[in-house]
Amino acid sequence: MVGVMRAFGFAGWSGSGKTTLVERLIPQLRAKGLVVSLVKHAHHEFDIDQAGKDSHRHREAGCQEVLVTSAVRWALMHELRGASELSLDAALARLSPCDLVLVEGFKSAAIPKLEVYRASVGKSMLHPRDKNIVAVATDGPLTTTLPLFDLGDVVPIAAFIIAHAESRGAV
């Protein structure tokens, strides 16, 4: 059952394993009965459409939006055509109701986040500068005052995310 929608983010440098962790967490969260969605910020131009397909041709011809639907899914592509990119709030407003929205990217968003940290990436930790980071998942020894999780052990990470969302009046 869908409750109050809450967002929970993942912060970390490129190559830290955010996408892999999120991918492994989704089945854990779904197994708890949650309706889960995701907002991913891309730092580069991307296209989910395929050149040569009808929908791509119509979009390239000038349509602002193209909705493709079938018996198993639908997708809406919206061309900004010079307008500003969506803020996180604007992206969240476009989602269907769900229990939990996982957010990858939007590093400066004022939402609770889990930092994914690997010393091997060679970058500093984010949480000393980002007060919205509420826990850290890592693949090695680390000293922090925040809750600390083994990056490979998704069950306690999922439990933490659920408990955190529940404490904020969701799920």
Protein backbone atom coordinates (compact mmCIF):
# COMPACT_ATOMS: atom_id res chain seq x y z
CA MET A 1 0.00 0.00 0.00
CA VAL A 2 1.33 3.40 -0.92
CA GLY A 3 1.84 5.76 2.02
CA VAL A 4 3.41 9.20 2.20
CA MET A 5 6.11 9.42 -0.45
CA ARG A 6 9.61 10.01 0.97
CA ALA A 7 12.89 10.52 -0.84
CA PHE A 8 16.16 8.93 0.25
CA GLY A 9 19.36 9.72 -1.59
CA PHE A 10 22.70 8.12 -2.37
CA ALA A 11 25.81 10.28 -2.50
CA GLY A 12 29.30 9.33 -3.55
CA TRP A 13 31.96 9.87 -6.13
CA SER A 14 31.81 8.24 -9.56
CA GLY A 15 32.99 4.65 -9.29
CA SER A 16 32.01 4.25 -5.64
CA GLY A 17 29.23 1.75 -6.37
CA LYS A 18 26.07 3.81 -5.90
CA THR A 19 24.23 2.31 -8.86
CA THR A 20 25.14 -1.27 -7.92
CA LEU A 21 24.05 -0.69 -4.31
CA VAL A 22 20.72 0.84 -5.38
CA GLU A 23 20.15 -2.03 -7.80
CA ARG A 24 20.71 -4.54 -4.99
CA LEU A 25 18.56 -2.59 -2.50
CA ILE A 26 15.43 -2.36 -4.66
CA PRO A 27 14.48 -6.08 -4.36
CA GLN A 28 15.03 -5.89 -0.58
CA LEU A 29 12.73 -2.90 -0.28
CA ARG A 30 10.13 -4.44 -2.59
CA ALA A 31 10.21 -7.64 -0.51
CA LYS A 32 9.07 -5.51 2.45
CA GLY A 33 6.00 -4.52 0.44
CA LEU A 34 7.16 -1.04 -0.52
CA VAL A 35 6.33 0.64 -3.81
CA VAL A 36 9.72 2.03 -4.86
CA SER A 37 10.58 4.54 -7.58
CA LEU A 38 13.86 6.13 -8.59
CA VAL A 39 15.06 9.53 -9.78
CA LYS A 40 18.51 9.50 -11.39
CA HIS A 41 20.27 12.72 -12.31
CA ALA A 42 22.50 12.43 -15.36
CA HIS A 43 25.38 14.87 -15.74
CA HIS A 44 25.45 14.41 -19.48
CA GLU A 45 23.10 14.30 -22.41
CA PHE A 46 21.21 11.02 -22.58
CA ASP A 47 18.54 9.45 -24.75
CA ILE A 48 16.29 6.50 -23.91
CA ASP A 49 14.84 6.53 -27.39
CA GLN A 50 16.34 4.75 -30.40
CA ALA A 51 17.27 6.51 -33.61
CA GLY A 52 15.04 5.38 -36.48
CA LYS A 53 12.08 4.38 -34.28
CA ASP A 54 8.80 6.23 -34.85
CA SER A 55 8.89 7.91 -31.42
CA HIS A 56 12.43 9.19 -32.02
CA ARG A 57 11.48 10.50 -35.45
CA HIS A 58 8.46 12.37 -34.04
CA ARG A 59 10.54 13.89 -31.24
CA GLU A 60 13.26 14.91 -33.67
CA ALA A 61 10.56 16.48 -35.86
CA GLY A 62 9.71 18.85 -33.02
CA CYS A 63 7.27 17.28 -30.55
CA GLN A 64 7.79 18.55 -27.03
CA GLU A 65 6.51 15.28 -25.56
CA VAL A 66 6.22 11.78 -26.94
CA LEU A 67 4.49 9.08 -24.91
CA VAL A 68 5.09 5.48 -25.96
CA THR A 69 2.83 2.84 -24.45
CA SER A 70 2.43 -0.92 -24.69
CA ALA A 71 0.87 -3.76 -22.70
CA VAL A 72 3.90 -3.89 -20.36
CA ARG A 73 5.13 -0.28 -19.89
CA TRP A 74 4.90 3.32 -20.93
CA ALA A 75 7.49 6.05 -21.20
CA LEU A 76 7.14 9.78 -21.58
CA MET A 77 9.98 11.68 -23.20
CA HIS A 78 9.95 15.42 -22.74
CA GLU A 79 12.29 17.73 -24.62
CA LEU A 80 13.37 20.77 -22.64
CA ARG A 81 14.11 22.72 -25.82
CA GLY A 82 16.15 25.29 -23.91
CA ALA A 83 14.12 25.31 -20.68
CA SER A 84 15.89 24.68 -17.37
CA GLU A 85 16.50 21.13 -16.25
CA LEU A 86 14.19 19.75 -13.57
CA SER A 87 14.93 20.34 -9.91
CA LEU A 88 14.57 17.34 -7.63
CA ASP A 89 11.24 18.67 -6.36
CA ALA A 90 9.96 19.06 -9.92
CA ALA A 91 11.10 15.54 -10.80
CA LEU A 92 9.44 14.10 -7.68
CA ALA A 93 6.19 15.91 -8.54
CA ARG A 94 6.07 14.04 -11.86
CA LEU A 95 6.23 10.57 -10.27
CA SER A 96 3.22 8.43 -9.54
CA PRO A 97 2.53 7.93 -5.82
CA CYS A 98 4.88 5.49 -4.12
CA ASP A 99 6.25 4.72 -0.67
CA LEU A 100 9.89 5.52 -1.29
CA VAL A 101 11.80 7.36 -3.98
CA LEU A 102 15.47 6.49 -4.22
CA VAL A 103 17.52 9.41 -5.54
CA GLU A 104 20.86 9.00 -7.23
CA GLY A 105 22.61 12.25 -8.04
CA PHE A 106 21.28 15.61 -6.87
CA LYS A 107 24.21 15.74 -4.42
CA SER A 108 23.19 19.11 -2.99
CA ALA A 109 19.54 18.15 -2.36
CA ALA A 110 18.35 18.60 1.21
CA ILE A 111 17.15 15.01 1.60
CA PRO A 112 18.51 12.24 3.83
CA LYS A 113 21.34 10.41 2.08
CA LEU A 114 23.58 7.41 2.45
CA GLU A 115 27.17 8.07 1.43
CA VAL A 116 28.72 5.28 -0.62
CA TYR A 117 32.46 5.46 -0.02
CA ARG A 118 35.40 3.51 -1.38
CA ALA A 119 38.89 4.63 -0.38
CA SER A 120 40.16 3.10 -3.65
CA VAL A 121 38.37 5.87 -5.60
CA GLY A 122 40.92 8.26 -4.12
CA LYS A 123 38.51 11.04 -3.14
CA SER A 124 37.61 12.57 0.21
CA MET A 125 34.46 11.66 2.09
CA LEU A 126 31.39 13.82 1.48
CA HIS A 127 29.64 13.59 4.84
CA PRO A 128 31.78 16.04 6.77
CA ARG A 129 30.53 18.75 4.36
CA ASP A 130 27.00 17.42 3.74
CA LYS A 131 24.85 17.46 6.86
CA ASN A 132 22.10 15.55 5.01
CA ILE A 133 24.21 12.39 4.93
CA VAL A 134 22.80 10.18 7.70
CA ALA A 135 24.88 7.00 7.23
CA VAL A 136 27.84 5.59 5.30
CA ALA A 137 28.30 2.33 3.39
CA THR A 138 31.88 1.34 2.61
CA ASP A 139 34.02 -1.60 1.58
CA GLY A 140 36.77 -1.10 4.16
CA PRO A 141 37.57 0.10 7.66
CA LEU A 142 36.38 3.60 8.43
CA THR A 143 35.96 5.80 11.47
CA THR A 144 32.82 7.94 11.60
CA THR A 145 30.17 8.93 14.10
CA LEU A 146 27.44 8.08 11.57
CA PRO A 147 25.87 4.62 11.27
CA LEU A 148 28.30 2.53 9.23
CA PHE A 149 27.42 -0.35 6.90
CA ASP A 150 29.34 -2.90 4.89
CA LEU A 151 28.74 -1.98 1.25
CA GLY A 152 28.14 -5.64 0.35
CA ASP A 153 25.50 -6.28 3.04
CA VAL A 154 22.26 -4.81 1.69
CA VAL A 155 19.85 -6.29 4.28
CA PRO A 156 20.86 -3.94 7.14
CA ILE A 157 21.13 -1.00 4.73
CA ALA A 158 17.57 -1.62 3.54
CA ALA A 159 16.39 -1.93 7.15
CA PHE A 160 18.08 1.38 8.01
CA ILE A 161 16.47 3.17 5.05
CA ILE A 162 13.02 1.83 6.00
CA ALA A 163 13.49 2.76 9.68
CA HIS A 164 14.70 6.22 8.71
CA ALA A 165 11.69 6.75 6.43
CA GLU A 166 9.32 5.47 9.14
CA SER A 167 10.82 7.88 11.66
CA ARG A 168 9.95 10.68 9.23
CA GLY A 169 6.31 9.56 8.98
CA ALA A 170 6.52 7.44 5.85
CA VAL A 171 6.27 3.79 4.79
